[in-house]
């Protein structure tokens, strides 16, 4: 459960966490013929519902579980349903 320590400090001119996710989704939406692979569950292992919504809206977006799978251990049932879907 150490993903919290891998955060970006918001400074002028640097996107915050939610802004980064929105920026990714904008890029995916404006390039529908490009396959995007977002690494580490887009660092949304703490909010798989949000990630699931983004994946549902964007057929050309995929997310890998590298370096974040263990972070889902605290929500085993929900994570199992998420991965099954």
PDB file of N, CA and C in Angstrom:
ATOM      1  N   UNK A   1       0.823  -1.192   0.000  1.00  0.00           N
ATOM      2  CA  UNK A   1       0.000   0.000   0.000  1.00  0.00           C
ATOM      3  C   UNK A   1       0.863   1.251   0.000  1.00  0.00           C
ATOM      4  N   UNK A   2       1.826   1.286  -0.873  1.00  0.00           N
ATOM      5  CA  UNK A   2       2.750   2.412  -0.892  1.00  0.00           C
ATOM      6  C   UNK A   2       2.567   3.335  -2.093  1.00  0.00           C
ATOM      7  N   UNK A   3       1.504   3.159  -2.868  1.00  0.00           N
ATOM      8  CA  UNK A   3       1.299   4.015  -4.033  1.00  0.00           C
ATOM      9  C   UNK A   3       1.148   5.474  -3.628  1.00  0.00           C
ATOM     10  N   UNK A   4       0.667   5.713  -2.425  1.00  0.00           N
ATOM     11  CA  UNK A   4       0.501   7.095  -1.957  1.00  0.00           C
ATOM     12  C   UNK A   4       1.820   7.851  -1.998  1.00  0.00           C
ATOM     13  N   UNK A   5       2.919   7.169  -1.755  1.00  0.00           N
ATOM     14  CA  UNK A   5       4.215   7.852  -1.729  1.00  0.00           C
ATOM     15  C   UNK A   5       4.695   8.221  -3.123  1.00  0.00           C
ATOM     16  N   UNK A   6       4.054   7.655  -4.150  1.00  0.00           N
ATOM     17  CA  UNK A   6       4.451   7.953  -5.520  1.00  0.00           C
ATOM     18  C   UNK A   6       3.550   9.028  -6.104  1.00  0.00           C
ATOM     19  N   UNK A   7       3.392  10.090  -5.410  1.00  0.00           N
ATOM     20  CA  UNK A   7       2.491  11.145  -5.867  1.00  0.00           C
ATOM     21  C   UNK A   7       3.271  12.283  -6.502  1.00  0.00           C
ATOM     22  N   UNK A   8       2.555  13.075  -7.236  1.00  0.00           N
ATOM     23  CA  UNK A   8       3.146  14.229  -7.898  1.00  0.00           C
ATOM     24  C   UNK A   8       2.795  15.461  -7.087  1.00  0.00           C
ATOM     25  N   UNK A   9       3.779  16.217  -6.737  1.00  0.00           N
ATOM     26  CA  UNK A   9       3.546  17.455  -6.020  1.00  0.00           C
ATOM     27  C   UNK A   9       3.072  18.508  -7.016  1.00  0.00           C
ATOM     28  N   UNK A  10       1.928  19.093  -6.738  1.00  0.00           N
ATOM     29  CA  UNK A  10       1.363  20.086  -7.654  1.00  0.00           C
ATOM     30  C   UNK A  10       2.072  21.414  -7.452  1.00  0.00           C
ATOM     31  N   UNK A  11       2.608  21.900  -8.529  1.00  0.00           N
ATOM     32  CA  UNK A  11       3.282  23.196  -8.571  1.00  0.00           C
ATOM     33  C   UNK A  11       2.732  23.940  -9.770  1.00  0.00           C
ATOM     34  N   UNK A  12       2.927  25.231  -9.837  1.00  0.00           N
ATOM     35  CA  UNK A  12       2.446  25.970 -11.014  1.00  0.00           C
ATOM     36  C   UNK A  12       2.972  25.341 -12.309  1.00  0.00           C
ATOM     37  N   UNK A  13       2.054  25.117 -13.244  1.00  0.00           N
ATOM     38  CA  UNK A  13       2.436  24.557 -14.534  1.00  0.00           C
ATOM     39  C   UNK A  13       2.496  23.038 -14.572  1.00  0.00           C
ATOM     40  N   UNK A  14       2.265  22.370 -13.441  1.00  0.00           N
ATOM     41  CA  UNK A  14       2.293  20.909 -13.387  1.00  0.00           C
ATOM     42  C   UNK A  14       0.893  20.407 -13.080  1.00  0.00           C
ATOM     43  N   UNK A  15       0.414  19.463 -13.866  1.00  0.00           N
ATOM     44  CA  UNK A  15      -0.925  18.936 -13.667  1.00  0.00           C
ATOM     45  C   UNK A  15      -1.017  18.143 -12.372  1.00  0.00           C
ATOM     46  N   UNK A  16      -2.140  18.254 -11.705  1.00  0.00           N
ATOM     47  CA  UNK A  16      -2.414  17.444 -10.524  1.00  0.00           C
ATOM     48  C   UNK A  16      -2.897  16.063 -10.932  1.00  0.00           C
ATOM     49  N   UNK A  17      -3.164  15.220  -9.961  1.00  0.00           N
ATOM     50  CA  UNK A  17      -3.551  13.835 -10.201  1.00  0.00           C
ATOM     51  C   UNK A  17      -4.776  13.724 -11.107  1.00  0.00           C
ATOM     52  N   UNK A  18      -5.878  14.350 -10.730  1.00  0.00           N
ATOM     53  CA  UNK A  18      -7.106  14.278 -11.523  1.00  0.00           C
ATOM     54  C   UNK A  18      -6.911  14.911 -12.904  1.00  0.00           C
ATOM     55  N   UNK A  19      -6.130  15.956 -12.971  1.00  0.00           N
ATOM     56  CA  UNK A  19      -5.862  16.597 -14.254  1.00  0.00           C
ATOM     57  C   UNK A  19      -5.072  15.677 -15.174  1.00  0.00           C
ATOM     58  N   UNK A  20      -4.154  14.893 -14.607  1.00  0.00           N
ATOM     59  CA  UNK A  20      -3.398  13.929 -15.418  1.00  0.00           C
ATOM     60  C   UNK A  20      -4.308  12.858 -15.999  1.00  0.00           C
ATOM     61  N   UNK A  21      -5.231  12.361 -15.172  1.00  0.00           N
ATOM     62  CA  UNK A  21      -6.167  11.339 -15.638  1.00  0.00           C
ATOM     63  C   UNK A  21      -7.055  11.925 -16.742  1.00  0.00           C
ATOM     64  N   UNK A  22      -7.540  13.145 -16.542  1.00  0.00           N
ATOM     65  CA  UNK A  22      -8.372  13.801 -17.558  1.00  0.00           C
ATOM     66  C   UNK A  22      -7.577  14.031 -18.845  1.00  0.00           C
ATOM     67  N   UNK A  23      -6.313  14.391 -18.711  1.00  0.00           N
ATOM     68  CA  UNK A  23      -5.452  14.608 -19.867  1.00  0.00           C
ATOM     69  C   UNK A  23      -5.272  13.307 -20.656  1.00  0.00           C
ATOM     70  N   UNK A  24      -5.082  12.211 -19.948  1.00  0.00           N
ATOM     71  CA  UNK A  24      -4.967  10.904 -20.600  1.00  0.00           C
ATOM     72  C   UNK A  24      -6.244  10.594 -21.372  1.00  0.00           C
ATOM     73  N   UNK A  25      -7.380  10.780 -20.718  1.00  0.00           N
ATOM     74  CA  UNK A  25      -8.640  10.452 -21.395  1.00  0.00           C
ATOM     75  C   UNK A  25      -8.870  11.341 -22.614  1.00  0.00           C
ATOM     76  N   UNK A  26      -8.512  12.607 -22.528  1.00  0.00           N
ATOM     77  CA  UNK A  26      -8.644  13.484 -23.705  1.00  0.00           C
ATOM     78  C   UNK A  26      -7.790  12.981 -24.861  1.00  0.00           C
ATOM     79  N   UNK A  27      -6.566  12.567 -24.555  1.00  0.00           N
ATOM     80  CA  UNK A  27      -5.676  12.049 -25.603  1.00  0.00           C
ATOM     81  C   UNK A  27      -6.257  10.791 -26.231  1.00  0.00           C
ATOM     82  N   UNK A  28      -6.819   9.915 -25.396  1.00  0.00           N
ATOM     83  CA  UNK A  28      -7.415   8.678 -25.897  1.00  0.00           C
ATOM     84  C   UNK A  28      -8.617   8.984 -26.782  1.00  0.00           C
ATOM     85  N   UNK A  29      -9.478   9.897 -26.332  1.00  0.00           N
ATOM     86  CA  UNK A  29     -10.685  10.245 -27.090  1.00  0.00           C
ATOM     87  C   UNK A  29     -10.362  10.908 -28.426  1.00  0.00           C
ATOM     88  N   UNK A  30      -9.342  11.743 -28.456  1.00  0.00           N
ATOM     89  CA  UNK A  30      -9.030  12.467 -29.695  1.00  0.00           C
ATOM     90  C   UNK A  30      -8.209  11.636 -30.673  1.00  0.00           C
ATOM     91  N   UNK A  31      -7.837  10.434 -30.270  1.00  0.00           N
ATOM     92  CA  UNK A  31      -7.065   9.537 -31.146  1.00  0.00           C
ATOM     93  C   UNK A  31      -7.700   8.143 -31.131  1.00  0.00           C
ATOM     94  N   UNK A  32      -8.924   8.026 -31.631  1.00  0.00           N
ATOM     95  CA  UNK A  32      -9.654   6.764 -31.519  1.00  0.00           C
ATOM     96  C   UNK A  32      -9.036   5.592 -32.280  1.00  0.00           C
ATOM     97  N   UNK A  33      -8.180   5.862 -33.240  1.00  0.00           N
ATOM     98  CA  UNK A  33      -7.550   4.780 -34.004  1.00  0.00           C
ATOM     99  C   UNK A  33      -6.213   4.350 -33.420  1.00  0.00           C
ATOM    100  N   UNK A  34      -5.866   4.896 -32.263  1.00  0.00           N
ATOM    101  CA  UNK A  34      -4.616   4.547 -31.589  1.00  0.00           C
ATOM    102  C   UNK A  34      -4.932   3.739 -30.339  1.00  0.00           C
ATOM    103  N   UNK A  35      -4.205   2.657 -30.151  1.00  0.00           N
ATOM    104  CA  UNK A  35      -4.360   1.867 -28.927  1.00  0.00           C
ATOM    105  C   UNK A  35      -3.451   2.462 -27.854  1.00  0.00           C
ATOM    106  N   UNK A  36      -4.022   2.760 -26.711  1.00  0.00           N
ATOM    107  CA  UNK A  36      -3.269   3.301 -25.582  1.00  0.00           C
ATOM    108  C   UNK A  36      -3.154   2.231 -24.503  1.00  0.00           C
ATOM    109  N   UNK A  37      -1.968   2.116 -23.952  1.00  0.00           N
ATOM    110  CA  UNK A  37      -1.723   1.201 -22.853  1.00  0.00           C
ATOM    111  C   UNK A  37      -1.264   2.033 -21.660  1.00  0.00           C
ATOM    112  N   UNK A  38      -2.140   2.166 -20.685  1.00  0.00           N
ATOM    113  CA  UNK A  38      -1.845   2.959 -19.499  1.00  0.00           C
ATOM    114  C   UNK A  38      -1.232   2.027 -18.449  1.00  0.00           C
ATOM    115  N   UNK A  39      -0.026   2.313 -18.088  1.00  0.00           N
ATOM    116  CA  UNK A  39       0.667   1.419 -17.160  1.00  0.00           C
ATOM    117  C   UNK A  39       0.185   1.601 -15.722  1.00  0.00           C
ATOM    118  N   UNK A  40       0.357   0.547 -14.969  1.00  0.00           N
ATOM    119  CA  UNK A  40       0.101   0.545 -13.518  1.00  0.00           C
ATOM    120  C   UNK A  40      -1.321   0.963 -13.148  1.00  0.00           C
ATOM    121  N   UNK A  41      -2.302   0.462 -13.897  1.00  0.00           N
ATOM    122  CA  UNK A  41      -3.710   0.783 -13.626  1.00  0.00           C
ATOM    123  C   UNK A  41      -3.944   2.285 -13.595  1.00  0.00           C
ATOM    124  N   UNK A  42      -3.189   3.008 -14.371  1.00  0.00           N
ATOM    125  CA  UNK A  42      -3.209   4.482 -14.405  1.00  0.00           C
ATOM    126  C   UNK A  42      -3.061   5.074 -13.005  1.00  0.00           C
ATOM    127  N   UNK A  43      -2.407   4.324 -12.147  1.00  0.00           N
ATOM    128  CA  UNK A  43      -2.199   4.718 -10.746  1.00  0.00           C
ATOM    129  C   UNK A  43      -3.527   4.989 -10.038  1.00  0.00           C
ATOM    130  N   UNK A  44      -4.577   4.292 -10.496  1.00  0.00           N
ATOM    131  CA  UNK A  44      -5.889   4.421  -9.867  1.00  0.00           C
ATOM    132  C   UNK A  44      -6.264   3.153  -9.104  1.00  0.00           C
ATOM    133  N   UNK A  45      -5.285   2.459  -8.591  1.00  0.00           N
ATOM    134  CA  UNK A  45      -5.571   1.228  -7.858  1.00  0.00           C
ATOM    135  C   UNK A  45      -6.434   1.510  -6.629  1.00  0.00           C
ATOM    136  N   UNK A  46      -6.460   2.750  -6.190  1.00  0.00           N
ATOM    137  CA  UNK A  46      -7.303   3.127  -5.054  1.00  0.00           C
ATOM    138  C   UNK A  46      -8.719   3.466  -5.500  1.00  0.00           C
ATOM    139  N   UNK A  47      -8.961   3.533  -6.802  1.00  0.00           N
ATOM    140  CA  UNK A  47     -10.266   3.922  -7.327  1.00  0.00           C
ATOM    141  C   UNK A  47     -10.549   3.179  -8.629  1.00  0.00           C
ATOM    142  N   UNK A  48     -10.719   1.871  -8.504  1.00  0.00           N
ATOM    143  CA  UNK A  48     -10.954   1.058  -9.694  1.00  0.00           C
ATOM    144  C   UNK A  48     -12.281   1.396 -10.366  1.00  0.00           C
ATOM    145  N   UNK A  49     -13.240   1.927  -9.615  1.00  0.00           N
ATOM    146  CA  UNK A  49     -14.513   2.338 -10.222  1.00  0.00           C
ATOM    147  C   UNK A  49     -14.275   3.420 -11.258  1.00  0.00           C
ATOM    148  N   UNK A  50     -13.478   4.408 -10.903  1.00  0.00           N
ATOM    149  CA  UNK A  50     -13.165   5.495 -11.830  1.00  0.00           C
ATOM    150  C   UNK A  50     -12.424   4.960 -13.050  1.00  0.00           C
ATOM    151  N   UNK A  51     -11.449   4.114 -12.815  1.00  0.00           N
ATOM    152  CA  UNK A  51     -10.709   3.519 -13.929  1.00  0.00           C
ATOM    153  C   UNK A  51     -11.646   2.712 -14.813  1.00  0.00           C
ATOM    154  N   UNK A  52     -12.541   1.945 -14.207  1.00  0.00           N
ATOM    155  CA  UNK A  52     -13.495   1.150 -14.974  1.00  0.00           C
ATOM    156  C   UNK A  52     -14.380   2.005 -15.860  1.00  0.00           C
ATOM    157  N   UNK A  53     -14.813   3.154 -15.340  1.00  0.00           N
ATOM    158  CA  UNK A  53     -15.636   4.064 -16.131  1.00  0.00           C
ATOM    159  C   UNK A  53     -14.863   4.590 -17.342  1.00  0.00           C
ATOM    160  N   UNK A  54     -13.607   4.928 -17.132  1.00  0.00           N
ATOM    161  CA  UNK A  54     -12.771   5.423 -18.231  1.00  0.00           C
ATOM    162  C   UNK A  54     -12.554   4.317 -19.268  1.00  0.00           C
ATOM    163  N   UNK A  55     -12.308   3.103 -18.800  1.00  0.00           N
ATOM    164  CA  UNK A  55     -12.123   1.984 -19.729  1.00  0.00           C
ATOM    165  C   UNK A  55     -13.415   1.697 -20.497  1.00  0.00           C
ATOM    166  N   UNK A  56     -14.558   1.790 -19.824  1.00  0.00           N
ATOM    167  CA  UNK A  56     -15.841   1.561 -20.495  1.00  0.00           C
ATOM    168  C   UNK A  56     -16.106   2.597 -21.579  1.00  0.00           C
ATOM    169  N   UNK A  57     -15.689   3.825 -21.349  1.00  0.00           N
ATOM    170  CA  UNK A  57     -15.929   4.903 -22.317  1.00  0.00           C
ATOM    171  C   UNK A  57     -14.963   4.875 -23.499  1.00  0.00           C
ATOM    172  N   UNK A  58     -13.838   4.174 -23.339  1.00  0.00           N
ATOM    173  CA  UNK A  58     -12.771   4.243 -24.339  1.00  0.00           C
ATOM    174  C   UNK A  58     -12.293   2.847 -24.726  1.00  0.00           C
ATOM    175  N   UNK A  59     -12.805   2.355 -25.848  1.00  0.00           N
ATOM    176  CA  UNK A  59     -12.457   1.000 -26.292  1.00  0.00           C
ATOM    177  C   UNK A  59     -10.995   0.873 -26.694  1.00  0.00           C
ATOM    178  N   UNK A  60     -10.316   1.981 -26.922  1.00  0.00           N
ATOM    179  CA  UNK A  60      -8.907   1.937 -27.341  1.00  0.00           C
ATOM    180  C   UNK A  60      -7.937   2.140 -26.173  1.00  0.00           C
ATOM    181  N   UNK A  61      -8.437   2.055 -24.952  1.00  0.00           N
ATOM    182  CA  UNK A  61      -7.586   2.202 -23.771  1.00  0.00           C
ATOM    183  C   UNK A  61      -7.504   0.878 -23.019  1.00  0.00           C
ATOM    184  N   UNK A  62      -6.300   0.497 -22.698  1.00  0.00           N
ATOM    185  CA  UNK A  62      -6.035  -0.699 -21.912  1.00  0.00           C
ATOM    186  C   UNK A  62      -5.164  -0.296 -20.731  1.00  0.00           C
ATOM    187  N   UNK A  63      -5.266  -1.054 -19.654  1.00  0.00           N
ATOM    188  CA  UNK A  63      -4.445  -0.747 -18.479  1.00  0.00           C
ATOM    189  C   UNK A  63      -3.762  -2.027 -18.015  1.00  0.00           C
ATOM    190  N   UNK A  64      -2.475  -1.929 -17.742  1.00  0.00           N
ATOM    191  CA  UNK A  64      -1.780  -3.115 -17.230  1.00  0.00           C
ATOM    192  C   UNK A  64      -1.765  -3.061 -15.700  1.00  0.00           C
ATOM    193  N   UNK A  65      -1.492  -4.199 -15.107  1.00  0.00           N
ATOM    194  CA  UNK A  65      -1.521  -4.285 -13.642  1.00  0.00           C
ATOM    195  C   UNK A  65      -0.125  -4.298 -13.038  1.00  0.00           C
ATOM    196  N   UNK A  66       0.877  -4.090 -13.869  1.00  0.00           N
ATOM    197  CA  UNK A  66       2.250  -4.117 -13.381  1.00  0.00           C
ATOM    198  C   UNK A  66       2.480  -3.149 -12.232  1.00  0.00           C
ATOM    199  N   UNK A  67       3.131  -3.605 -11.215  1.00  0.00           N
ATOM    200  CA  UNK A  67       3.541  -2.807 -10.063  1.00  0.00           C
ATOM    201  C   UNK A  67       2.367  -2.241  -9.272  1.00  0.00           C
ATOM    202  N   UNK A  68       1.135  -2.652  -9.563  1.00  0.00           N
ATOM    203  CA  UNK A  68      -0.007  -2.162  -8.792  1.00  0.00           C
ATOM    204  C   UNK A  68      -0.951  -3.272  -8.358  1.00  0.00           C
ATOM    205  N   UNK A  69      -0.741  -4.471  -8.834  1.00  0.00           N
ATOM    206  CA  UNK A  69      -1.649  -5.565  -8.490  1.00  0.00           C
ATOM    207  C   UNK A  69      -1.756  -5.739  -6.985  1.00  0.00           C
ATOM    208  N   UNK A  70      -0.653  -5.686  -6.280  1.00  0.00           N
ATOM    209  CA  UNK A  70      -0.671  -5.857  -4.823  1.00  0.00           C
ATOM    210  C   UNK A  70      -1.465  -4.759  -4.133  1.00  0.00           C
ATOM    211  N   UNK A  71      -1.543  -3.604  -4.755  1.00  0.00           N
ATOM    212  CA  UNK A  71      -2.269  -2.481  -4.162  1.00  0.00           C
ATOM    213  C   UNK A  71      -3.775  -2.759  -4.091  1.00  0.00           C
ATOM    214  N   UNK A  72      -4.257  -3.743  -4.845  1.00  0.00           N
ATOM    215  CA  UNK A  72      -5.682  -4.065  -4.830  1.00  0.00           C
ATOM    216  C   UNK A  72      -6.027  -5.113  -3.757  1.00  0.00           C
ATOM    217  N   UNK A  73      -5.060  -5.541  -2.999  1.00  0.00           N
ATOM    218  CA  UNK A  73      -5.276  -6.589  -1.996  1.00  0.00           C
ATOM    219  C   UNK A  73      -6.288  -6.194  -0.921  1.00  0.00           C
ATOM    220  N   UNK A  74      -6.420  -4.921  -0.662  1.00  0.00           N
ATOM    221  CA  UNK A  74      -7.346  -4.483   0.393  1.00  0.00           C
ATOM    222  C   UNK A  74      -8.802  -4.487  -0.078  1.00  0.00           C
ATOM    223  N   UNK A  75      -9.036  -4.721  -1.355  1.00  0.00           N
ATOM    224  CA  UNK A  75     -10.400  -4.792  -1.908  1.00  0.00           C
ATOM    225  C   UNK A  75     -10.527  -6.038  -2.783  1.00  0.00           C
ATOM    226  N   UNK A  76     -10.304  -7.212  -2.208  1.00  0.00           N
ATOM    227  CA  UNK A  76     -10.204  -8.426  -3.028  1.00  0.00           C
ATOM    228  C   UNK A  76     -11.454  -8.755  -3.838  1.00  0.00           C
ATOM    229  N   UNK A  77     -12.643  -8.614  -3.256  1.00  0.00           N
ATOM    230  CA  UNK A  77     -13.860  -8.968  -3.996  1.00  0.00           C
ATOM    231  C   UNK A  77     -14.103  -7.996  -5.152  1.00  0.00           C
ATOM    232  N   UNK A  78     -13.981  -6.713  -4.863  1.00  0.00           N
ATOM    233  CA  UNK A  78     -14.193  -5.729  -5.916  1.00  0.00           C
ATOM    234  C   UNK A  78     -13.130  -5.863  -7.003  1.00  0.00           C
ATOM    235  N   UNK A  79     -11.882  -6.051  -6.601  1.00  0.00           N
ATOM    236  CA  UNK A  79     -10.796  -6.206  -7.581  1.00  0.00           C
ATOM    237  C   UNK A  79     -11.040  -7.417  -8.459  1.00  0.00           C
ATOM    238  N   UNK A  80     -11.509  -8.510  -7.872  1.00  0.00           N
ATOM    239  CA  UNK A  80     -11.799  -9.712  -8.643  1.00  0.00           C
ATOM    240  C   UNK A  80     -12.884  -9.445  -9.683  1.00  0.00           C
ATOM    241  N   UNK A  81     -13.944  -8.746  -9.280  1.00  0.00           N
ATOM    242  CA  UNK A  81     -15.012  -8.396 -10.217  1.00  0.00           C
ATOM    243  C   UNK A  81     -14.497  -7.471 -11.318  1.00  0.00           C
ATOM    244  N   UNK A  82     -13.673  -6.526 -10.929  1.00  0.00           N
ATOM    245  CA  UNK A  82     -13.104  -5.582 -11.885  1.00  0.00           C
ATOM    246  C   UNK A  82     -12.265  -6.308 -12.928  1.00  0.00           C
ATOM    247  N   UNK A  83     -11.382  -7.206 -12.485  1.00  0.00           N
ATOM    248  CA  UNK A  83     -10.519  -7.928 -13.412  1.00  0.00           C
ATOM    249  C   UNK A  83     -11.301  -8.912 -14.268  1.00  0.00           C
ATOM    250  N   UNK A  84     -12.342  -9.501 -13.709  1.00  0.00           N
ATOM    251  CA  UNK A  84     -13.182 -10.410 -14.500  1.00  0.00           C
ATOM    252  C   UNK A  84     -13.867  -9.654 -15.641  1.00  0.00           C
ATOM    253  N   UNK A  85     -14.325  -8.429 -15.354  1.00  0.00           N
ATOM    254  CA  UNK A  85     -15.012  -7.637 -16.380  1.00  0.00           C
ATOM    255  C   UNK A  85     -14.034  -7.226 -17.460  1.00  0.00           C
TER     256      UNK A  85
END
